[in-house]
Amino acid sequence: MTDTAEKSAPATARGENTVDTIPPLARLFPLGLQHVLALYAGAVAVPLIVGGALGYSSADLAFLISADLFIAGIATIVQSVGFWRFGVRLPLMQGVTFAAVGPMIAIGQQHGITTIFGSVIAVGLFMILIAPFFAQLLRFFPPIVTGTVILIIGLSLMRVAAGWIMTGSTADAPGAPPLNVAFAFGTLLFIVLVERFAPAALARVSVLLGLVVGTVVALFVPGMVDWSGVTDAAWFAVVTPFHFGLPTFEVFSILSMLVVGIVIMTETTGDMIAVGEIVDKPVTRRQLADGLRADGLGTLLGGIFNTFPYTAFAQNVGLVSLTGVRSRYVATMAGAILVVLGLIPKVAALVEGVPRAVLGGAGIALFGMVAASGIRTLTKVKFNNKNVLVVALSVGIALLPTVTPTIYDEFPDWFQLIFDSGISAGAIVAILLNLVLNSDEVRATQANEPALGAYDAVRGPAAAALTHPDAQGTGLIPTHVLEEDAAGKFDELDEKP
């Protein structure tokens, strides 16, 4: 091959686009910044939600955001670079998980934020210890369980988005102020327009752009934006451990968070396998354990440095696929950017000053995406009546404390800690129902059943096309023509398009 031909060859062919390649800084920084922008809105939402629910001041919320960004950066660097038996050494970004929001609010309202941090530390240690054995637990988390839990997380968080839009309502006017609703839905409309008309790179950060544009517009409305804390915030400050006091450890709080820990590990496992396939470096069992240990270490550090459990962010896995850049050092650069942002309190104060109505609009999109991710996972499930029941009961029980927050007020504290969070309650119900209704014996007897059956009570033209001998179908799916025999049963004859 000539020098000219070699220069024009694809980067992959020359070995310049591998997991272990370090791109030049001129490309490394913007690629890393793009990853930061993709996860930023989701990353800062959790401290805003938890701190807001516990009634923390603007200064404390800003500190929670700084701590969140700082540890997210460290966790990302550990995951991508790796040391000893920690880190999957793939381009994965780490951020605070939404799965822990419900349990943490319940724990914080019962026992205070130091108990949240104590539970987070315990979960981090738990994740580190069971990482090598987690493959044995994966059978308890098939798509029917993980999809249901992710769906529940998204649906439960809608209450938070609604609360942001309701900011400013009073006893005399208990409804959401019309101006808030206008800003929320204006933000939503902008996000939709970005997704529809903007280039793919901008569409990946549509929620973040919605927050920015919504805030800029709100600057023209007196009283909508409060950035008084930005002036007082320092340009540089170290995130100190145990800022809110030494952690406290409460048994039932820890138990409720252990369920979240297993959900986190399941989610991270899926993300590691997916990114391994994208970059043509399949994840081995040892790498999987190393990546899960890094998750646990990030969560442990989160509890020490005043923040929450960490997991791999799925949207950044999609970004790796979109850009085609395989280098894990792009994630390392993104982690370094997050660390720097965490050390600049003015950035956190700026985020804390975003109008709650704008946050509410972006939250609808953000939490809706979480719910939609759960639905996407559930598309892998064969929906017979048993699986329908698993999803139906899990979602129903999970939403009880969301639609009626006082439903368990007469129960003991330990019960409330578990079931006041629809997320932990729904996860427990989904796991138990799947074990009961989808045992090995049941799955063996149903292995050869069709995906759609009479027992599914499916209605409509598509279902009729599968069961009626004269049906021509809708044209959207292949239809099987059935012929009735003397015994009144149907035999399959052929297939029509």
Protein backbone atom coordinates (compact mmCIF):
# COMPACT_ATOMS: atom_id res chain seq x y z
CA MET A 1 0.00 0.00 0.00
CA THR A 2 1.36 3.42 -0.92
CA ASP A 3 1.75 6.21 1.63
CA THR A 4 -1.13 8.12 0.04
CA ALA A 5 -3.43 5.12 0.10
CA GLU A 6 -2.48 4.41 3.69
CA LYS A 7 -3.32 7.96 4.71
CA SER A 8 -6.72 7.77 3.04
CA ALA A 9 -7.58 4.40 4.59
CA PRO A 10 -10.24 4.38 7.30
CA ALA A 11 -9.02 4.97 10.82
CA THR A 12 -10.28 1.57 11.91
CA ALA A 13 -8.17 -0.16 9.27
CA ARG A 14 -5.05 1.64 10.49
CA GLY A 15 -5.81 0.70 14.10
CA GLU A 16 -6.36 4.38 15.04
CA ASN A 17 -9.91 3.94 16.27
CA THR A 18 -9.65 1.31 18.97
CA VAL A 19 -10.64 1.24 22.61
CA ASP A 20 -7.04 1.86 23.72
CA THR A 21 -6.22 4.63 21.21
CA ILE A 22 -5.68 8.13 22.62
CA PRO A 23 -6.99 10.72 20.11
CA PRO A 24 -5.09 14.02 19.76
CA LEU A 25 -6.14 16.68 22.28
CA ALA A 26 -7.75 18.81 19.57
CA ARG A 27 -10.30 15.98 19.10
CA LEU A 28 -10.20 14.52 22.60
CA PHE A 29 -11.53 17.60 24.40
CA PRO A 30 -14.59 18.31 22.20
CA LEU A 31 -15.48 14.60 22.12
CA GLY A 32 -15.27 14.46 25.91
CA LEU A 33 -17.29 17.67 26.28
CA GLN A 34 -19.99 16.16 24.07
CA HIS A 35 -20.33 13.24 26.51
CA VAL A 36 -20.60 15.68 29.43
CA LEU A 37 -23.37 17.61 27.68
CA ALA A 38 -25.26 14.38 26.93
CA LEU A 39 -25.45 13.33 30.59
CA TYR A 40 -25.45 16.74 32.30
CA ALA A 41 -29.20 17.32 32.57
CA GLY A 42 -29.78 13.84 33.96
CA ALA A 43 -26.82 14.03 36.32
CA VAL A 44 -27.83 17.28 38.04
CA ALA A 45 -31.52 16.37 38.24
CA VAL A 46 -31.08 13.87 41.09
CA PRO A 47 -29.48 16.22 43.67
CA LEU A 48 -32.08 18.84 42.75
CA ILE A 49 -34.89 16.33 43.31
CA VAL A 50 -33.60 14.86 46.57
CA GLY A 51 -32.35 18.14 48.04
CA GLY A 52 -35.57 19.90 47.06
CA ALA A 53 -37.72 17.18 48.64
CA LEU A 54 -35.77 17.53 51.89
CA GLY A 55 -36.14 21.33 51.90
CA TYR A 56 -32.49 22.25 51.53
CA SER A 57 -31.33 25.82 50.90
CA SER A 58 -29.96 27.07 47.60
CA ALA A 59 -26.41 26.90 48.96
CA ASP A 60 -26.85 23.28 50.07
CA LEU A 61 -28.41 22.33 46.73
CA ALA A 62 -25.45 23.89 44.94
CA PHE A 63 -23.08 21.88 47.13
CA LEU A 64 -24.97 18.64 46.33
CA ILE A 65 -24.64 19.41 42.61
CA SER A 66 -20.89 20.10 42.95
CA ALA A 67 -20.38 16.85 44.85
CA ASP A 68 -22.42 14.97 42.27
CA LEU A 69 -20.35 16.26 39.33
CA PHE A 70 -17.05 15.74 41.16
CA ILE A 71 -17.68 12.08 42.05
CA ALA A 72 -19.29 11.40 38.64
CA GLY A 73 -15.99 12.48 37.10
CA ILE A 74 -13.90 10.30 39.40
CA ALA A 75 -16.22 7.29 38.87
CA THR A 76 -16.01 7.77 35.09
CA ILE A 77 -12.20 7.93 35.16
CA VAL A 78 -12.03 4.75 37.28
CA GLN A 79 -14.43 2.95 34.94
CA SER A 80 -12.66 3.97 31.72
CA VAL A 81 -8.97 3.90 32.77
CA GLY A 82 -9.21 1.16 35.38
CA PHE A 83 -6.81 0.17 38.13
CA TRP A 84 -6.18 -3.28 39.62
CA ARG A 85 -9.61 -5.02 39.57
CA PHE A 86 -11.71 -1.86 39.27
CA GLY A 87 -13.00 -0.57 35.93
CA VAL A 88 -14.27 -2.21 32.76
CA ARG A 89 -11.82 -0.15 30.64
CA LEU A 90 -14.43 0.80 28.05
CA PRO A 91 -15.90 4.21 27.06
CA LEU A 92 -18.57 4.34 29.77
CA MET A 93 -19.84 7.45 31.59
CA GLN A 94 -20.99 7.27 35.21
CA GLY A 95 -23.75 9.37 36.73
CA VAL A 96 -26.19 9.33 39.65
CA THR A 97 -28.98 6.84 39.06
CA PHE A 98 -32.67 7.76 39.06
CA ALA A 99 -33.44 4.34 40.54
CA ALA A 100 -32.40 5.54 44.00
CA VAL A 101 -34.48 8.75 44.06
CA GLY A 102 -37.65 7.34 45.64
CA PRO A 103 -35.93 5.31 48.36
CA MET A 104 -33.57 8.17 49.22
CA ILE A 105 -36.39 10.67 49.63
CA ALA A 106 -38.27 8.23 51.86
CA ILE A 107 -35.13 7.62 53.96
CA GLY A 108 -34.28 11.33 54.14
CA GLN A 109 -37.77 12.33 55.25
CA GLN A 110 -37.77 9.64 57.94
CA HIS A 111 -34.19 9.82 59.25
CA GLY A 112 -32.35 12.72 57.58
CA ILE A 113 -29.74 13.00 54.86
CA THR A 114 -26.92 11.41 56.90
CA THR A 115 -28.90 8.15 56.88
CA ILE A 116 -29.11 8.43 53.09
CA PHE A 117 -25.33 8.67 52.91
CA GLY A 118 -24.92 5.77 55.36
CA SER A 119 -27.18 3.62 53.19
CA VAL A 120 -25.29 4.65 50.05
CA ILE A 121 -21.95 3.66 51.65
CA ALA A 122 -23.41 0.29 52.68
CA VAL A 123 -24.75 -0.32 49.16
CA GLY A 124 -21.37 0.59 47.64
CA LEU A 125 -19.61 -1.97 49.83
CA PHE A 126 -22.28 -4.53 49.00
CA MET A 127 -21.80 -3.97 45.26
CA ILE A 128 -18.02 -4.33 45.53
CA LEU A 129 -18.31 -7.58 47.49
CA ILE A 130 -20.90 -9.33 45.30
CA ALA A 131 -19.52 -8.17 41.93
CA PRO A 132 -17.78 -11.51 41.20
CA PHE A 133 -20.95 -13.45 42.05
CA PHE A 134 -23.47 -11.18 40.37
CA ALA A 135 -23.80 -13.41 37.30
CA GLN A 136 -25.59 -15.87 39.58
CA LEU A 137 -28.14 -13.17 40.51
CA LEU A 138 -28.83 -12.05 36.94
CA ARG A 139 -31.45 -14.77 36.54
CA PHE A 140 -33.63 -12.85 38.99
CA PHE A 141 -33.53 -9.83 36.65
CA PRO A 142 -34.74 -10.87 33.19
CA PRO A 143 -36.18 -8.17 30.86
CA ILE A 144 -39.65 -8.57 32.42
CA VAL A 145 -38.22 -7.35 35.75
CA THR A 146 -35.68 -4.76 34.58
CA GLY A 147 -38.08 -3.27 32.02
CA THR A 148 -40.83 -3.00 34.63
CA VAL A 149 -38.53 -1.37 37.17
CA ILE A 150 -37.21 1.19 34.68
CA LEU A 151 -40.79 1.96 33.61
CA ILE A 152 -41.76 2.46 37.27
CA ILE A 153 -38.81 4.80 37.82
CA GLY A 154 -39.91 7.04 34.94
CA LEU A 155 -43.57 7.07 35.99
CA SER A 156 -42.78 7.73 39.66
CA LEU A 157 -40.55 10.70 38.81
CA MET A 158 -43.38 12.45 36.93
CA ARG A 159 -44.63 13.57 40.33
CA VAL A 160 -41.35 15.48 40.74
CA ALA A 161 -41.76 17.21 37.38
CA ALA A 162 -45.32 18.18 38.32
CA GLY A 163 -44.07 19.54 41.66
CA TRP A 164 -41.55 21.76 39.86
CA ILE A 165 -44.31 23.16 37.65
CA MET A 166 -46.48 23.74 40.74
CA THR A 167 -43.83 25.94 42.39
CA GLY A 168 -45.49 29.17 43.53
CA SER A 169 -48.97 27.72 44.06
CA THR A 170 -50.70 28.76 47.30
CA ALA A 171 -53.65 27.68 49.44
CA ASP A 172 -55.74 30.40 47.79
CA ALA A 173 -54.64 29.34 44.30
CA PRO A 174 -53.69 25.65 44.63
CA GLY A 175 -53.27 25.08 40.91
CA ALA A 176 -50.08 25.61 38.92
CA PRO A 177 -49.51 29.28 37.96
CA PRO A 178 -50.35 29.69 34.24
CA LEU A 179 -46.95 31.30 33.62
CA ASN A 180 -45.24 28.19 35.00
CA VAL A 181 -47.31 25.94 32.75
CA ALA A 182 -46.45 28.14 29.76
CA PHE A 183 -42.72 27.90 30.48
CA ALA A 184 -42.89 24.16 31.10
CA PHE A 185 -44.68 23.40 27.85
CA GLY A 186 -42.63 25.97 25.95
CA THR A 187 -39.51 24.11 27.08
CA LEU A 188 -41.10 20.84 26.00
CA LEU A 189 -42.00 22.27 22.59
CA PHE A 190 -38.44 23.48 22.08
CA ILE A 191 -37.08 20.01 22.93
CA VAL A 192 -39.43 18.45 20.37
CA LEU A 193 -38.37 20.97 17.70
CA VAL A 194 -34.69 20.26 18.38
CA GLU A 195 -35.31 16.53 18.09
CA ARG A 196 -37.16 17.07 14.81
CA PHE A 197 -35.05 19.66 12.99
CA ALA A 198 -31.59 19.91 14.61
CA PRO A 199 -28.53 17.90 13.51
CA ALA A 200 -28.00 14.59 15.27
CA ALA A 201 -25.24 15.98 17.51
CA LEU A 202 -27.59 18.67 18.89
CA ALA A 203 -30.54 16.29 19.14
CA ARG A 204 -28.50 14.18 21.57
CA VAL A 205 -28.50 17.13 24.02
CA SER A 206 -32.04 18.35 23.35
CA VAL A 207 -33.04 18.31 27.03
CA LEU A 208 -29.99 20.34 28.03
CA LEU A 209 -30.65 22.84 25.22
CA GLY A 210 -34.26 23.10 26.42
CA LEU A 211 -33.04 24.01 29.91
CA VAL A 212 -30.64 26.63 28.54
CA VAL A 213 -33.12 28.29 26.16
CA GLY A 214 -35.95 28.16 28.73
CA THR A 215 -33.73 29.86 31.29
CA VAL A 216 -32.59 32.55 28.82
CA VAL A 217 -36.22 33.38 27.96
CA ALA A 218 -37.11 33.43 31.67
CA LEU A 219 -34.49 36.14 32.23
CA PHE A 220 -36.91 38.57 30.54
CA VAL A 221 -39.65 37.81 33.11
CA PRO A 222 -39.05 39.57 36.45
CA GLY A 223 -38.66 37.15 39.35
CA MET A 224 -38.45 33.97 37.27
CA VAL A 225 -34.69 33.46 37.60
CA ASP A 226 -32.89 33.72 40.94
CA TRP A 227 -29.15 33.72 40.50
CA SER A 228 -28.36 35.59 43.70
CA GLY A 229 -26.37 32.57 44.89
CA VAL A 230 -24.04 32.77 41.90
CA THR A 231 -22.51 36.04 43.11
CA ASP A 232 -21.82 34.60 46.56
CA ALA A 233 -20.44 31.28 45.26
CA ALA A 234 -16.67 30.89 45.06
CA TRP A 235 -14.80 30.24 41.84
CA PHE A 236 -13.00 27.28 43.36
CA ALA A 237 -13.71 25.03 46.34
CA VAL A 238 -12.81 21.50 47.39
CA VAL A 239 -15.64 19.00 47.82
CA THR A 240 -15.17 17.87 51.42
CA PRO A 241 -16.27 14.48 52.79
CA PHE A 242 -19.10 14.27 55.34
CA HIS A 243 -20.12 17.88 54.73
CA PHE A 244 -23.55 17.29 56.30
CA GLY A 245 -22.24 15.22 59.23
CA LEU A 246 -21.04 11.68 59.83
CA PRO A 247 -23.17 9.00 58.12
CA THR A 248 -25.70 7.05 60.16
CA PHE A 249 -26.62 3.45 59.43
CA GLU A 250 -30.20 2.24 59.81
CA VAL A 251 -31.02 -1.39 58.99
CA PHE A 252 -34.26 -1.01 57.06
CA SER A 253 -32.94 2.01 55.15
CA ILE A 254 -29.99 -0.09 54.04
CA LEU A 255 -32.26 -2.99 53.05
CA SER A 256 -34.43 -0.75 50.88
CA MET A 257 -31.30 0.57 49.15
CA LEU A 258 -29.85 -2.91 48.60
CA VAL A 259 -32.71 -3.57 46.15
CA VAL A 260 -31.66 -0.41 44.31
CA GLY A 261 -28.06 -1.62 44.30
CA ILE A 262 -29.00 -4.83 42.49
CA VAL A 263 -31.08 -2.85 39.98
CA ILE A 264 -28.07 -0.57 39.37
CA MET A 265 -25.79 -3.55 38.77
CA THR A 266 -28.27 -5.07 36.34
CA GLU A 267 -28.54 -1.79 34.43
CA THR A 268 -24.75 -1.36 34.31
CA THR A 269 -24.30 -4.95 33.13
CA GLY A 270 -26.56 -4.27 30.15
CA ASP A 271 -24.70 -1.05 29.33
CA MET A 272 -21.28 -2.73 29.54
CA ILE A 273 -22.35 -5.56 27.26
CA ALA A 274 -23.88 -3.07 24.80
CA VAL A 275 -20.84 -0.79 24.62
CA GLY A 276 -18.56 -3.83 24.30
CA GLU A 277 -20.48 -4.89 21.20
CA ILE A 278 -20.40 -1.34 19.78
CA VAL A 279 -16.61 -1.05 20.08
CA ASP A 280 -15.95 -4.65 18.97
CA LYS A 281 -14.50 -5.68 22.31
CA PRO A 282 -16.91 -8.18 23.92
CA VAL A 283 -16.98 -7.99 27.70
CA THR A 284 -15.54 -10.99 29.52
CA ARG A 285 -16.83 -12.26 32.85
CA ARG A 286 -13.77 -10.81 34.57
CA GLN A 287 -14.28 -7.40 32.91
CA LEU A 288 -17.91 -7.47 33.98
CA ALA A 289 -16.92 -8.03 37.59
CA ASP A 290 -14.29 -5.27 37.36
CA GLY A 291 -16.88 -2.85 35.95
CA LEU A 292 -19.38 -3.67 38.68
CA ARG A 293 -16.69 -3.14 41.33
CA ALA A 294 -16.08 0.30 39.84
CA ASP A 295 -19.81 0.99 40.13
CA GLY A 296 -19.64 0.00 43.78
CA LEU A 297 -16.55 2.13 44.38
CA GLY A 298 -18.22 5.15 42.78
CA THR A 299 -21.28 4.60 45.00
CA LEU A 300 -19.08 4.19 48.11
CA LEU A 301 -17.27 7.44 47.33
CA GLY A 302 -20.66 9.04 46.70
CA GLY A 303 -21.77 8.28 50.26
CA ILE A 304 -18.52 9.65 51.67
CA PHE A 305 -18.55 12.82 49.56
CA ASN A 306 -22.22 13.75 50.11
CA THR A 307 -23.79 12.33 46.96
CA PHE A 308 -25.64 9.25 45.74
CA PRO A 309 -25.35 5.84 43.95
CA TYR A 310 -23.72 5.80 40.52
CA THR A 311 -24.39 3.78 37.40
CA ALA A 312 -23.48 3.79 33.71
CA PHE A 313 -25.52 6.29 31.67
CA ALA A 314 -27.27 4.58 28.76
CA GLN A 315 -27.57 7.77 26.68
CA ASN A 316 -23.79 7.93 26.49
CA VAL A 317 -23.66 4.35 25.22
CA GLY A 318 -25.87 5.56 22.37
CA LEU A 319 -23.50 8.48 21.81
CA VAL A 320 -20.56 6.08 21.38
CA SER A 321 -22.55 4.32 18.68
CA LEU A 322 -23.54 7.62 17.05
CA THR A 323 -20.01 9.10 16.89
CA GLY A 324 -18.25 5.83 16.07
CA VAL A 325 -15.34 6.88 18.32
CA ARG A 326 -14.28 3.84 20.33
CA SER A 327 -11.53 5.27 22.54
CA ARG A 328 -12.13 4.86 26.27
CA TYR A 329 -9.96 7.93 26.83
CA VAL A 330 -12.76 10.10 25.46
CA ALA A 331 -14.76 9.05 28.52
CA THR A 332 -11.66 9.72 30.64
CA MET A 333 -11.50 13.29 29.29
CA ALA A 334 -15.23 13.70 30.00
CA GLY A 335 -14.57 12.51 33.56
CA ALA A 336 -11.81 15.09 33.97
CA ILE A 337 -14.17 17.84 32.75
CA LEU A 338 -16.78 16.71 35.30
CA VAL A 339 -14.18 16.82 38.11
CA VAL A 340 -13.24 20.39 37.16
CA LEU A 341 -16.90 21.44 37.01
CA GLY A 342 -17.42 19.92 40.46
CA LEU A 343 -14.64 22.10 41.83
CA ILE A 344 -16.25 25.33 40.53
CA PRO A 345 -19.18 26.20 42.87
CA LYS A 346 -20.37 28.97 40.55
CA VAL A 347 -21.34 26.34 37.98
CA ALA A 348 -23.44 24.48 40.56
CA ALA A 349 -25.05 27.73 41.73
CA LEU A 350 -25.87 28.59 38.11
CA VAL A 351 -27.65 25.24 37.66
CA GLU A 352 -29.51 25.63 40.95
CA GLY A 353 -30.89 28.97 39.73
CA VAL A 354 -32.67 27.47 36.70
CA PRO A 355 -36.42 28.25 37.05
CA ARG A 356 -38.37 25.32 38.48
CA ALA A 357 -41.01 25.67 35.75
CA VAL A 358 -38.34 25.17 33.08
CA LEU A 359 -36.99 22.20 35.05
CA GLY A 360 -40.53 20.80 35.14
CA GLY A 361 -40.86 20.91 31.36
CA ALA A 362 -37.45 19.33 30.84
CA GLY A 363 -38.28 16.82 33.57
CA ILE A 364 -41.35 15.59 31.69
CA ALA A 365 -39.12 14.79 28.72
CA LEU A 366 -36.27 13.40 30.82
CA PHE A 367 -38.39 11.18 33.04
CA GLY A 368 -40.56 10.20 30.09
CA MET A 369 -37.41 8.98 28.33
CA VAL A 370 -36.63 6.83 31.37
CA ALA A 371 -40.12 5.30 31.22
CA ALA A 372 -39.81 4.79 27.46
CA SER A 373 -36.50 2.98 28.02
CA GLY A 374 -38.37 0.58 30.28
CA ILE A 375 -40.99 0.01 27.59
CA ARG A 376 -38.21 -0.64 25.07
CA THR A 377 -36.78 -3.30 27.38
CA LEU A 378 -40.23 -4.85 27.76
CA THR A 379 -40.47 -5.30 23.99
CA LYS A 380 -38.13 -8.28 24.46
CA VAL A 381 -40.78 -9.97 26.62
CA LYS A 382 -43.31 -12.53 25.40
CA PHE A 383 -46.54 -11.09 26.77
CA ASN A 384 -48.68 -13.99 27.87
CA ASN A 385 -51.17 -13.48 30.69
CA LYS A 386 -48.58 -14.24 33.37
CA ASN A 387 -46.16 -11.59 32.15
CA VAL A 388 -48.98 -9.08 31.73
CA LEU A 389 -49.86 -9.73 35.38
CA VAL A 390 -46.25 -9.23 36.50
CA VAL A 391 -46.12 -5.80 34.85
CA ALA A 392 -49.65 -4.80 35.82
CA LEU A 393 -49.35 -5.58 39.53
CA SER A 394 -45.81 -4.22 39.87
CA VAL A 395 -46.71 -0.90 38.24
CA GLY A 396 -50.01 -0.69 40.13
CA ILE A 397 -48.45 -1.27 43.55
CA ALA A 398 -45.55 1.06 42.72
CA LEU A 399 -47.87 3.94 41.82
CA LEU A 400 -50.00 3.72 44.99
CA PRO A 401 -47.72 5.99 47.07
CA THR A 402 -47.28 8.27 44.05
CA VAL A 403 -51.00 8.97 43.57
CA THR A 404 -51.79 8.84 47.33
CA PRO A 405 -48.66 9.75 49.32
CA THR A 406 -50.31 9.13 52.72
CA ILE A 407 -51.49 5.59 51.98
CA TYR A 408 -48.95 3.92 54.31
CA ASP A 409 -48.88 6.54 57.08
CA GLU A 410 -50.42 4.11 59.60
CA PHE A 411 -47.74 1.47 59.02
CA PRO A 412 -44.44 1.02 60.92
CA ASP A 413 -41.41 3.07 59.87
CA TRP A 414 -39.56 0.07 58.39
CA PHE A 415 -42.56 -0.71 56.15
CA GLN A 416 -42.83 2.90 55.00
CA LEU A 417 -39.13 3.05 54.12
CA ILE A 418 -39.59 0.18 51.67
CA PHE A 419 -43.09 0.76 50.32
CA ASP A 420 -43.32 4.57 50.40
CA SER A 421 -40.88 4.39 47.52
CA GLY A 422 -42.80 3.06 44.57
CA ILE A 423 -39.49 2.13 42.96
CA SER A 424 -38.30 -0.29 45.67
CA ALA A 425 -41.84 -1.64 46.19
CA GLY A 426 -42.33 -2.21 42.46
CA ALA A 427 -38.93 -3.88 42.14
CA ILE A 428 -39.65 -6.29 44.99
CA VAL A 429 -43.09 -7.16 43.61
CA ALA A 430 -41.72 -7.65 40.07
CA ILE A 431 -38.97 -10.00 41.30
CA LEU A 432 -41.31 -12.08 43.48
CA LEU A 433 -44.11 -12.30 40.90
CA ASN A 434 -41.66 -13.33 38.19
CA LEU A 435 -40.30 -16.09 40.43
CA VAL A 436 -43.82 -17.32 41.22
CA LEU A 437 -45.43 -17.00 37.79
CA ASN A 438 -42.39 -17.73 35.60
CA SER A 439 -40.73 -20.65 37.35
CA ASP A 440 -38.55 -23.02 35.33
CA GLU A 441 -41.42 -25.50 35.11
CA VAL A 442 -43.86 -22.89 33.81
CA ARG A 443 -41.40 -21.61 31.19
CA ALA A 444 -40.68 -25.15 30.03
CA THR A 445 -44.36 -25.87 29.42
CA GLN A 446 -44.86 -22.58 27.53
CA ALA A 447 -41.65 -22.68 25.47
CA ASN A 448 -43.44 -23.67 22.25
CA GLU A 449 -46.50 -21.47 22.65
CA PRO A 450 -47.04 -18.68 20.06
CA ALA A 451 -46.24 -15.12 21.05
CA LEU A 452 -49.95 -14.31 20.74
CA GLY A 453 -52.59 -16.69 22.00
CA ALA A 454 -56.28 -16.75 22.80
CA TYR A 455 -55.40 -16.49 26.47
CA ASP A 456 -53.88 -13.06 25.83
CA ALA A 457 -57.33 -11.64 25.02
CA VAL A 458 -55.90 -9.63 22.12
CA ARG A 459 -58.53 -7.75 20.15
CA GLY A 460 -58.57 -5.86 16.84
CA PRO A 461 -57.90 -6.59 13.16
CA ALA A 462 -54.34 -7.85 13.70
CA ALA A 463 -55.52 -10.44 16.20
CA ALA A 464 -58.40 -11.46 13.93
CA ALA A 465 -55.96 -12.01 11.10
CA LEU A 466 -54.17 -14.58 13.22
CA THR A 467 -57.28 -16.55 14.13
CA HIS A 468 -59.92 -16.22 11.42
CA PRO A 469 -59.66 -18.39 8.26
CA ASP A 470 -61.08 -15.69 5.95
CA ALA A 471 -59.13 -12.75 7.32
CA GLN A 472 -56.76 -10.86 5.00
CA GLY A 473 -55.00 -9.02 7.81
CA THR A 474 -53.98 -5.38 8.10
CA GLY A 475 -50.96 -5.61 5.82
CA LEU A 476 -48.72 -4.57 8.72
CA ILE A 477 -47.73 -8.07 9.88
CA PRO A 478 -47.63 -11.51 8.24
CA THR A 479 -50.92 -13.38 8.71
CA HIS A 480 -51.32 -17.13 9.12
CA VAL A 481 -54.41 -18.57 7.42
CA LEU A 482 -56.05 -21.29 9.51
CA GLU A 483 -58.51 -23.97 8.40
CA GLU A 484 -61.13 -25.45 10.70
CA ASP A 485 -61.22 -29.27 10.89
CA ALA A 486 -64.08 -31.57 11.86
CA ALA A 487 -63.25 -31.25 15.53
CA GLY A 488 -63.57 -27.49 15.37
CA LYS A 489 -59.82 -26.90 15.61
CA PHE A 490 -57.72 -24.83 13.23
CA ASP A 491 -54.71 -26.06 11.26
CA GLU A 492 -52.21 -23.65 9.73
CA LEU A 493 -52.17 -23.77 5.88
CA ASP A 494 -49.95 -21.02 4.61
CA GLU A 495 -48.81 -17.47 5.17
CA LYS A 496 -50.05 -14.32 3.51
CA PRO A 497 -48.07 -11.07 3.48
